[in-house]
Protein backbone atom coordinates (compact mmCIF):
# COMPACT_ATOMS: atom_id res chain seq x y z
CA MET A 1 -12.81 8.04 -42.98
CA THR A 2 -11.18 5.99 -40.30
CA VAL A 3 -7.49 6.17 -39.94
CA ARG A 4 -5.92 2.76 -39.17
CA ASN A 5 -2.41 2.16 -38.17
CA THR A 6 -1.04 -1.11 -39.26
CA ILE A 7 1.61 -1.28 -36.31
CA ASN A 8 -0.91 -1.60 -33.46
CA PRO A 9 -1.53 1.96 -31.96
CA ASN A 10 34.86 -5.20 -59.25
CA ARG A 11 31.15 -4.51 -60.03
CA ARG A 12 30.14 -7.21 -57.44
CA ALA A 13 30.62 -4.34 -54.92
CA VAL A 14 27.70 -2.59 -56.29
CA LEU A 15 25.40 -5.60 -55.84
CA ALA A 16 26.61 -6.30 -52.32
CA GLY A 17 26.48 -2.71 -51.33
CA ALA A 18 30.01 -3.29 -50.43
CA ALA A 19 31.00 -0.79 -47.92
CA SER A 20 34.26 0.24 -49.85
CA SER A 21 36.21 2.71 -47.69
CA VAL A 22 38.45 3.56 -50.57
CA MET A 23 38.02 7.21 -51.28
CA LEU A 24 38.33 8.86 -54.64
CA PRO A 25 39.50 12.37 -54.59
CA SER A 26 36.76 14.71 -53.79
CA PHE A 27 35.21 16.46 -56.74
CA ALA A 28 36.30 20.17 -56.94
CA LEU A 29 37.94 20.22 -53.59
CA GLY A 30 40.09 23.35 -53.34
CA ALA A 31 37.52 25.51 -55.12
CA SER A 32 37.08 29.02 -54.11
CA HIS A 33 33.93 28.23 -52.10
CA SER A 34 32.45 25.29 -50.12
CA PRO A 35 29.34 23.67 -51.48
CA VAL A 36 26.22 23.42 -49.18
CA GLU A 37 26.69 20.24 -46.88
CA LEU A 38 24.45 17.10 -46.95
CA ARG A 39 25.48 15.47 -43.69
CA PRO A 40 23.82 12.05 -43.28
CA SER A 41 23.79 11.16 -39.52
CA LEU A 42 21.91 9.26 -36.74
CA PHE A 43 19.07 11.21 -34.85
CA GLN A 44 16.14 10.46 -32.71
CA SER A 45 12.63 11.21 -33.89
CA GLN A 46 9.05 10.63 -32.91
CA LEU A 47 8.16 8.66 -36.08
CA LEU A 48 5.33 6.55 -34.48
CA PRO A 49 2.42 7.92 -32.43
CA ASP A 50 3.19 9.37 -29.21
CA ALA A 51 2.33 5.99 -27.32
CA TYR A 52 5.57 4.64 -28.81
CA PRO A 53 9.28 5.45 -28.06
CA GLN A 54 11.14 7.56 -30.33
CA THR A 55 12.95 6.04 -33.18
CA GLN A 56 16.58 6.10 -34.16
CA MET A 57 16.80 7.22 -37.79
CA TRP A 58 19.22 8.12 -40.32
CA GLY A 59 18.76 11.29 -42.25
CA TYR A 60 20.36 14.18 -44.04
CA GLY A 61 20.83 17.10 -41.67
CA GLY A 62 18.91 15.37 -38.96
CA THR A 63 15.60 14.97 -40.76
CA ALA A 64 13.86 12.17 -42.77
CA PRO A 65 12.91 12.97 -45.43
CA GLY A 66 16.04 15.27 -46.00
CA PRO A 67 16.00 18.85 -46.86
CA GLU A 68 14.06 19.57 -50.02
CA ILE A 69 16.40 20.93 -52.87
CA ARG A 70 14.54 23.23 -55.17
CA VAL A 71 16.36 24.99 -58.08
CA ALA A 72 15.57 26.46 -61.40
CA GLN A 73 15.88 24.45 -64.66
CA GLY A 74 19.41 24.65 -65.91
CA ALA A 75 20.85 25.52 -62.49
CA ARG A 76 24.13 24.01 -61.10
CA ILE A 77 23.74 21.98 -58.01
CA GLU A 78 26.70 21.72 -55.63
CA ARG A 79 26.42 19.51 -52.49
CA ARG A 80 29.25 18.29 -50.18
CA LEU A 81 28.37 14.85 -48.79
CA VAL A 82 29.93 14.78 -45.29
CA ASN A 83 29.54 11.21 -43.90
CA ASP A 84 28.60 11.15 -40.20
CA LEU A 85 27.17 7.54 -40.52
CA PRO A 86 28.78 4.31 -39.26
CA GLN A 87 28.76 2.98 -42.93
CA PRO A 88 30.20 4.23 -46.17
CA THR A 89 27.54 5.96 -48.31
CA SER A 90 26.80 7.67 -51.55
CA ILE A 91 24.02 9.82 -53.09
CA HIS A 92 22.31 8.93 -56.19
CA TRP A 93 20.33 11.81 -57.91
CA HIS A 94 17.32 9.81 -59.24
CA GLY A 95 15.88 10.73 -62.51
CA ILE A 96 18.57 13.43 -63.35
CA ARG A 97 20.16 12.93 -66.72
CA ILE A 98 23.43 13.61 -65.04
CA ASP A 99 27.09 13.43 -65.69
CA ASN A 100 27.98 9.74 -65.22
CA LYS A 101 30.75 10.56 -62.49
CA MET A 102 28.18 12.30 -60.47
CA ASP A 103 25.52 9.48 -60.43
CA GLY A 104 26.52 8.14 -56.95
CA VAL A 105 26.73 4.26 -57.59
CA PRO A 106 29.72 2.71 -55.80
CA GLY A 107 31.67 0.37 -57.73
CA LEU A 108 30.38 1.71 -60.91
CA THR A 109 30.87 5.41 -60.94
CA GLN A 110 32.71 6.34 -57.79
CA ALA A 111 33.96 4.62 -54.42
CA ALA A 112 31.44 4.84 -51.53
CA THR A 113 32.41 7.72 -49.06
CA ALA A 114 33.76 6.31 -45.82
CA PRO A 115 32.69 7.45 -42.48
CA GLY A 116 34.21 10.71 -41.55
CA GLU A 117 35.08 11.42 -45.26
CA MET A 118 33.48 13.74 -47.84
CA PHE A 119 32.71 13.92 -51.49
CA ASP A 120 31.55 16.89 -53.57
CA TYR A 121 28.77 16.40 -55.90
CA ALA A 122 28.46 19.14 -58.70
CA PHE A 123 26.20 19.01 -61.63
CA GLU A 124 23.77 20.91 -63.81
CA VAL A 125 20.00 19.85 -64.00
CA PRO A 126 18.82 20.04 -67.62
CA ASP A 127 15.32 18.97 -67.04
CA ALA A 128 12.42 20.50 -65.10
CA GLY A 129 10.33 18.14 -62.92
CA THR A 130 10.03 16.11 -59.86
CA TYR A 131 13.02 14.05 -58.74
CA TRP A 132 14.65 12.77 -55.63
CA TYR A 133 17.94 11.91 -54.10
CA HIS A 134 18.81 8.96 -51.87
CA ALA A 135 21.57 6.78 -50.40
CA HIS A 136 23.01 4.30 -53.02
CA ASN A 137 25.43 2.20 -50.82
CA GLN A 138 23.80 -0.50 -48.74
CA SER A 139 20.57 1.23 -49.89
CA THR A 140 18.33 -1.54 -48.64
CA GLU A 141 19.30 -0.40 -45.20
CA GLN A 142 20.20 3.27 -45.76
CA VAL A 143 16.97 4.16 -47.59
CA ALA A 144 14.90 2.26 -45.20
CA ARG A 145 16.33 4.22 -42.36
CA GLY A 146 15.45 7.57 -43.91
CA LEU A 147 18.34 8.60 -46.32
CA PHE A 148 16.32 10.27 -49.07
CA GLY A 149 14.74 13.78 -49.96
CA ALA A 150 13.03 15.45 -52.81
CA LEU A 151 14.85 17.28 -55.69
CA ILE A 152 12.52 19.69 -57.50
CA VAL A 153 13.56 21.61 -60.78
CA GLU A 154 11.29 24.43 -61.49
CA GLU A 155 10.17 25.29 -64.98
CA ALA A 156 10.71 28.84 -66.24
CA ASN A 157 6.98 29.14 -66.84
CA ALA A 158 5.37 26.98 -64.11
CA PRO A 159 1.66 26.36 -64.15
CA GLU A 160 -0.44 28.76 -62.09
CA VAL A 161 -1.47 26.97 -58.73
CA ASP A 162 -2.37 28.06 -55.27
CA GLN A 163 0.13 25.57 -53.65
CA ASP A 164 2.97 23.47 -55.12
CA VAL A 165 3.16 20.48 -52.69
CA VAL A 166 5.87 17.71 -52.48
CA LEU A 167 4.48 14.40 -51.01
CA ILE A 168 7.03 11.72 -50.35
CA LEU A 169 5.20 8.35 -49.76
CA ASP A 170 7.02 5.80 -47.84
CA ASP A 171 6.58 2.80 -45.49
CA TRP A 172 8.74 1.69 -42.53
CA LEU A 173 9.07 -1.72 -41.13
CA MET A 174 8.78 -1.10 -37.28
CA LEU A 175 9.11 -3.09 -34.16
CA GLU A 176 6.85 -2.54 -31.09
CA THR A 177 9.97 -1.14 -29.33
CA GLY A 178 9.78 1.90 -31.88
CA GLU A 179 12.87 0.57 -33.57
CA ILE A 180 13.25 0.22 -37.28
CA ASP A 181 13.46 -3.61 -37.85
CA PRO A 182 17.26 -4.13 -38.33
CA ASP A 183 16.97 -7.37 -40.34
CA PHE A 184 17.76 -5.72 -43.70
CA ALA A 185 18.87 -9.03 -45.22
CA ALA A 186 15.77 -11.16 -44.36
CA ALA A 187 15.70 -14.03 -46.96
CA HIS A 188 11.95 -13.89 -47.27
CA ASP A 189 11.93 -10.06 -48.28
CA ARG A 190 14.87 -10.83 -50.63
CA SER A 191 13.15 -13.64 -52.33
CA HIS A 192 9.64 -12.58 -52.37
CA ALA A 193 7.79 -9.13 -52.51
CA GLY A 194 10.70 -7.09 -50.90
CA ARG A 195 10.87 -5.26 -47.66
CA LEU A 196 7.34 -4.12 -47.00
CA GLY A 197 6.62 -1.79 -43.98
CA ASN A 198 3.84 -1.90 -41.58
CA PHE A 199 3.62 1.91 -40.98
CA VAL A 200 2.95 4.29 -43.81
CA THR A 201 3.82 7.81 -43.98
CA THR A 202 3.79 10.97 -46.12
CA ASN A 203 6.70 13.26 -45.62
CA GLY A 204 7.57 11.41 -42.55
CA THR A 205 4.11 11.74 -41.15
CA PHE A 206 1.27 9.31 -40.54
CA ALA A 207 -2.09 10.49 -42.12
CA LEU A 208 -0.54 13.87 -43.00
CA GLU A 209 -3.01 16.85 -42.78
CA MET A 210 -2.64 19.75 -45.32
CA PRO A 211 -5.30 22.53 -45.00
CA VAL A 212 -6.60 23.85 -48.33
CA ARG A 213 -9.48 26.14 -49.40
CA HIS A 214 -12.47 25.27 -51.66
CA HIS A 215 -11.47 25.80 -55.27
CA TYR A 216 -7.88 25.85 -54.60
CA ARG A 217 -5.72 24.50 -57.41
CA LEU A 218 -2.82 22.42 -56.25
CA ARG A 219 0.15 20.86 -57.83
CA LEU A 220 0.80 17.60 -56.19
CA ARG A 221 4.35 16.06 -56.78
CA LEU A 222 4.17 12.46 -55.57
CA ILE A 223 7.38 10.43 -54.93
CA ASN A 224 7.51 6.86 -53.92
CA ALA A 225 10.48 6.33 -51.66
CA ALA A 226 9.43 2.93 -50.42
CA ASN A 227 11.86 -0.07 -50.60
CA ALA A 228 9.20 -2.18 -52.12
CA ARG A 229 5.65 -1.03 -51.69
CA ILE A 230 3.48 -0.08 -54.65
CA PHE A 231 1.08 2.64 -53.91
CA PRO A 232 -2.34 2.47 -55.65
CA LEU A 233 -3.90 5.86 -55.17
CA THR A 234 -7.13 7.70 -55.85
CA LEU A 235 -8.57 11.14 -55.24
CA GLN A 236 -11.69 11.89 -53.07
CA GLY A 237 -13.16 15.51 -53.09
CA LEU A 238 -10.51 16.32 -55.73
CA GLU A 239 -10.46 16.55 -59.48
CA GLY A 240 -7.18 15.90 -61.09
CA TRP A 241 -5.02 15.50 -64.22
CA ILE A 242 -1.60 13.91 -64.52
CA VAL A 243 0.82 16.44 -66.17
CA ALA A 244 4.15 14.61 -65.82
CA LEU A 245 5.56 11.05 -65.11
CA ASP A 246 8.96 10.64 -63.64
CA GLY A 247 9.62 14.34 -64.08
CA MET A 248 8.81 14.33 -67.87
CA PRO A 249 5.90 16.41 -69.02
CA LEU A 250 3.05 14.58 -70.86
CA SER A 251 2.21 16.23 -74.43
CA GLN A 252 -1.21 16.86 -72.94
CA PRO A 253 -2.66 16.58 -69.51
CA GLU A 254 -4.59 13.35 -68.79
CA ARG A 255 -7.72 13.43 -66.62
CA LEU A 256 -7.67 11.22 -63.72
CA THR A 257 -10.55 8.72 -64.16
CA SER A 258 -9.06 5.69 -62.35
CA GLU A 259 -6.48 4.98 -59.77
CA ILE A 260 -2.75 6.01 -59.93
CA ILE A 261 -0.30 3.09 -59.71
CA LEU A 262 3.10 4.33 -58.29
CA GLY A 263 5.81 1.85 -58.12
CA PRO A 264 9.02 2.31 -56.05
CA GLY A 265 11.18 5.16 -57.31
CA GLN A 266 8.32 6.43 -59.62
CA ARG A 267 6.93 10.02 -59.59
CA VAL A 268 3.79 11.64 -60.78
CA ASP A 269 2.79 15.33 -61.05
CA LEU A 270 -0.99 16.02 -60.64
CA ILE A 271 -2.76 19.25 -61.08
CA VAL A 272 -5.85 18.93 -58.82
CA ASP A 273 -8.80 21.21 -57.87
CA VAL A 274 -10.39 21.12 -54.58
CA LYS A 275 -14.10 20.28 -55.12
CA SER A 276 -14.95 19.44 -51.47
CA ALA A 277 -16.79 22.35 -49.80
CA GLY A 278 -15.74 24.42 -46.88
CA GLY A 279 -16.05 22.42 -43.62
CA GLU A 280 -15.62 18.96 -45.56
CA THR A 281 -12.46 17.04 -46.21
CA ALA A 282 -10.83 15.85 -49.43
CA TYR A 283 -8.33 12.94 -49.51
CA LEU A 284 -5.41 11.33 -51.38
CA VAL A 285 -6.59 7.70 -50.77
CA ARG A 286 -4.42 4.54 -50.67
CA LEU A 287 -6.18 1.47 -51.86
CA ASN A 288 -3.85 -1.52 -51.19
CA GLU A 289 -5.15 -2.19 -47.49
CA ASP A 290 -8.13 -4.20 -46.36
CA THR A 291 -10.14 -0.91 -46.66
CA PRO A 292 -9.11 2.25 -48.26
CA GLN A 293 -6.91 4.46 -46.19
CA PRO A 294 -6.12 8.16 -46.23
CA GLN A 295 -2.57 8.82 -47.41
CA VAL A 296 -3.02 12.65 -47.13
CA ILE A 297 -5.99 14.48 -45.59
CA PHE A 298 -7.04 17.90 -46.86
CA PRO A 299 -9.37 19.81 -44.47
CA VAL A 300 -11.22 22.24 -46.59
CA SER A 301 -12.09 25.75 -45.60
CA ASP A 302 -14.31 28.28 -47.33
CA GLY A 303 -12.97 29.74 -50.64
CA SER A 304 -14.29 31.54 -53.57
CA ALA A 305 -18.02 30.99 -54.16
CA ALA A 306 -17.48 30.28 -57.97
CA ASN A 307 -14.05 29.65 -59.44
CA GLN A 308 -14.39 27.29 -62.37
CA ARG A 309 -10.75 26.75 -63.62
CA PRO A 310 -9.80 25.81 -67.14
CA VAL A 311 -8.36 22.38 -67.79
CA PRO A 312 -4.55 22.82 -67.05
CA ALA A 313 -2.28 23.44 -70.09
CA ALA A 314 0.66 20.98 -70.78
CA LEU A 315 4.03 21.67 -69.13
CA ALA A 316 6.71 22.88 -71.57
CA PRO A 317 8.80 19.92 -72.76
CA ASN A 318 12.20 19.12 -71.51
CA PRO A 319 15.10 19.14 -74.03
CA SER A 320 16.23 16.11 -75.81
CA MET A 321 12.87 14.42 -75.88
CA ASP A 322 13.18 13.04 -79.25
CA LEU A 323 11.39 9.86 -80.27
CA PRO A 324 13.51 6.78 -80.73
CA ASP A 325 13.64 5.49 -84.30
CA LEU A 326 12.42 1.91 -83.98
CA ALA A 327 13.22 1.01 -87.56
CA ARG A 328 16.97 1.63 -86.70
CA ALA A 329 16.89 0.37 -83.18
CA THR A 330 19.11 -2.35 -82.01
CA ARG A 331 16.93 -5.03 -80.35
CA THR A 332 17.82 -6.88 -77.29
CA GLN A 333 16.18 -8.63 -74.32
CA LEU A 334 16.30 -8.99 -70.58
CA VAL A 335 14.63 -12.01 -68.99
CA MET A 336 14.00 -11.93 -65.30
CA GLU A 337 14.02 -15.34 -63.29
CA GLU A 338 13.86 -16.21 -59.62
CA GLY A 339 14.22 -19.50 -57.79
CA ALA A 340 12.13 -19.16 -54.50
CA MET A 341 8.75 -19.33 -56.44
CA GLY A 342 9.91 -19.79 -59.96
CA GLY A 343 11.72 -22.07 -62.25
CA LEU A 344 15.31 -20.80 -61.81
CA SER A 345 17.15 -24.10 -61.25
CA ALA A 346 20.75 -22.66 -61.87
CA ALA A 347 22.50 -19.48 -62.97
CA ILE A 348 25.90 -17.88 -63.13
CA VAL A 349 27.37 -16.40 -60.01
CA ASP A 350 30.69 -14.79 -59.99
CA GLY A 351 31.52 -16.51 -63.25
CA ASN A 352 30.40 -19.90 -62.11
CA ARG A 353 27.35 -21.89 -62.78
CA GLU A 354 25.60 -22.95 -59.50
CA SER A 355 22.51 -24.56 -58.54
CA PHE A 356 19.63 -22.55 -57.05
CA ARG A 357 20.32 -24.23 -53.71
CA GLN A 358 23.92 -22.99 -53.77
CA ILE A 359 22.71 -19.62 -54.87
CA ALA A 360 19.98 -19.42 -52.12
CA GLN A 361 22.70 -20.33 -49.62
CA LYS A 362 24.38 -16.95 -50.46
CA ASN A 363 20.96 -15.19 -49.78
CA MET A 364 20.68 -14.41 -53.66
CA PHE A 365 17.52 -15.36 -55.46
CA TRP A 366 17.15 -13.50 -58.73
CA ALA A 367 18.75 -13.56 -62.20
CA PHE A 368 18.84 -11.50 -65.24
CA ASN A 369 19.45 -13.54 -68.51
CA GLY A 370 20.73 -16.40 -66.39
CA VAL A 371 23.22 -14.16 -64.32
CA VAL A 372 22.96 -13.41 -60.65
CA GLY A 373 24.06 -9.73 -59.82
CA MET A 374 26.60 -7.41 -61.43
CA THR A 375 29.16 -8.59 -63.74
CA ASP A 376 32.06 -6.92 -65.80
CA THR A 377 29.97 -7.22 -68.80
CA PRO A 378 27.34 -4.69 -69.72
CA LEU A 379 23.79 -5.82 -70.54
CA ILE A 380 23.91 -3.33 -73.47
CA ASP A 381 27.18 -1.72 -74.92
CA ALA A 382 25.91 1.13 -77.12
CA ALA A 383 27.51 3.72 -79.26
CA LEU A 384 26.62 7.36 -78.39
CA GLY A 385 23.32 8.07 -80.17
CA GLU A 386 22.50 4.63 -80.87
CA GLN A 387 18.76 3.64 -80.89
CA ILE A 388 17.89 0.70 -78.41
CA ALA A 389 14.81 -1.32 -78.10
CA LEU A 390 14.78 -3.53 -74.94
CA SER A 391 12.34 -6.28 -74.35
CA ILE A 392 11.84 -7.17 -70.54
CA SER A 393 10.27 -10.43 -69.77
CA ASN A 394 9.28 -10.99 -66.11
CA HIS A 395 9.22 -14.68 -65.60
CA THR A 396 8.63 -14.23 -61.76
CA VAL A 397 5.35 -13.92 -59.94
CA PHE A 398 6.22 -10.75 -58.40
CA PRO A 399 6.21 -7.11 -59.74
CA HIS A 400 9.38 -5.33 -60.25
CA ALA A 401 10.18 -1.58 -60.79
CA MET A 402 12.92 -1.34 -63.27
CA HIS A 403 14.88 1.99 -62.95
CA LEU A 404 17.51 3.05 -65.58
CA HIS A 405 20.07 5.65 -64.40
CA GLY A 406 21.08 8.73 -66.51
CA ILE A 407 18.71 8.12 -69.47
CA HIS A 408 14.99 8.30 -69.76
CA PHE A 409 13.10 5.72 -72.06
CA ARG A 410 9.71 5.32 -73.72
CA GLU A 411 7.52 2.19 -73.56
CA ILE A 412 6.64 0.61 -76.89
CA MET A 413 2.95 0.27 -77.05
CA GLU A 414 0.61 -1.68 -79.17
CA GLY A 415 1.29 -0.99 -82.75
CA GLU A 416 4.74 0.22 -81.94
CA ALA A 417 3.38 3.65 -80.64
CA LEU A 418 5.67 5.12 -78.05
CA GLY A 419 4.52 6.15 -74.71
CA PRO A 420 5.69 9.02 -72.30
CA MET A 421 9.06 9.31 -71.17
CA ARG A 422 10.04 7.49 -67.84
CA ASP A 423 12.98 6.37 -65.98
CA THR A 424 11.29 3.69 -63.82
CA LEU A 425 8.94 0.98 -65.34
CA LEU A 426 6.63 -1.18 -63.12
CA LEU A 427 6.19 -4.65 -64.54
CA GLY A 428 3.55 -7.16 -63.12
CA GLY A 429 4.29 -10.79 -62.55
CA ARG A 430 4.65 -12.87 -65.70
CA GLU A 431 4.49 -9.68 -67.88
CA THR A 432 6.57 -8.73 -70.82
CA ARG A 433 6.94 -5.00 -71.81
CA GLU A 434 9.32 -3.23 -74.22
CA ILE A 435 11.09 0.03 -73.90
CA ALA A 436 13.12 2.15 -76.24
CA PHE A 437 15.61 4.99 -75.85
CA ILE A 438 18.33 6.92 -77.30
CA ALA A 439 21.68 6.25 -75.87
CA ASP A 440 22.42 10.05 -75.64
CA ASN A 441 24.28 10.21 -72.30
CA PRO A 442 27.84 8.62 -72.24
CA GLY A 443 28.93 6.52 -69.36
CA ASP A 444 28.23 3.38 -67.44
CA TRP A 445 24.52 3.41 -66.18
CA LEU A 446 22.92 1.20 -63.59
CA PHE A 447 19.73 -0.73 -64.52
CA HIS A 448 18.10 -2.46 -61.61
CA CYS A 449 15.01 -3.49 -59.77
CA HIS A 450 14.01 -0.46 -57.40
CA MET A 451 12.50 -3.02 -54.98
CA LEU A 452 15.84 -2.61 -53.15
CA SER A 453 15.93 -6.06 -51.47
CA HIS A 454 15.52 -7.45 -55.07
CA ALA A 455 18.43 -5.49 -56.35
CA ASP A 456 20.55 -6.65 -53.61
CA ALA A 457 19.65 -10.27 -54.21
CA GLY A 458 20.70 -10.30 -57.84
CA MET A 459 18.50 -7.85 -59.92
CA MET A 460 21.20 -5.62 -61.08
CA ALA A 461 22.82 -4.98 -64.52
CA TRP A 462 24.38 -2.10 -66.29
CA ILE A 463 24.51 -0.26 -69.66
CA ARG A 464 27.47 1.26 -71.37
CA VAL A 465 27.07 4.30 -73.66
CA ARG A 466 30.39 4.82 -75.36
CA ALA A 467 31.30 8.41 -76.13
């Protein structure tokens, strides 16, 4: 397989990523011990091939991706954010059903942590699965520069595999100088498909190689950390089953017979068996190029001569995976509109109705229910335990990956059957989908497009769950 390098060998503060330097009191300061530090900083790294200069990146502890956090289900995580960046920042723990005050959303759950300041995050992780953490202030820039990492919560009875592998998929928009393109507010990105990179990596490495043995059984934890790229993926030389989506176990493993579509923010857990013989190569293949490209390369060495494994068993369910009661659900809707290539002629911005021309002059392009960006009014105001059914109509020509903080949902399928639990839903252009959830986690929860330029250009709302 040929490896090809595409680079040539108020709540408005949330939307703007407003760099608030107001510092809330650090959580649990003065405790008898200091949490482990997560220190975002600037560093130099050879991100591109050796023919290119080094790249200045932003990362936690001088690496991008940041250090993997791996804990047992039910454990308590304590991390002290110490900000060595030139911008305020915060950390969102993506997919964790977390205490609201620890969710890391400036302007909604905390103030951004100013340069030179610190903030203590402390929370329990109720659910086993594959999650991740990333910057959530000026995230269009900060995530694109490398501020993200994997958060793995292990089951008490994990499946028996030969290797448990985390694969963080990302793309980077690079210049020939080796720099990350600094135009994070480009109007075309904000108004079209988002900031799409020209250099694709896994775990920060182009065409990552991971040696395996014939008949190995692997658990592959795939995380899409890209700003906007959708990854269509398939297996070559591997036989696989999906066992979890967005950290939540499927009721039964689903054999892979077609491609996997992984939108920004989404995760998938696979159990795969290495079928390629010793001396051959297996691949995780990316399909959205002119020709299929290797996302991960698995050189295979000899293994057991005969090792036919049984179909993997289902993972143990996480707590509180109850099905919403659609008969009792409060029904509501969200309509997405845009002006650059759609029919949005006017919308509400900062409480005023403005023409699309006026909105575009502010570098804003998208609206939810006729409103651009965050407001002081929640999209949904639910009582604790209320059943919610939300119809999402994408009136734009672009796909959107809608992520709900703090709560997992299920898609309402044909005949009102309920799909698996997720926290991020990928909608195609001109598509309408419906989700349902139980409002079982009190607080103010962000609901936004995880194409981060889209969020910054208007695609943000929030949901309130009253205790």
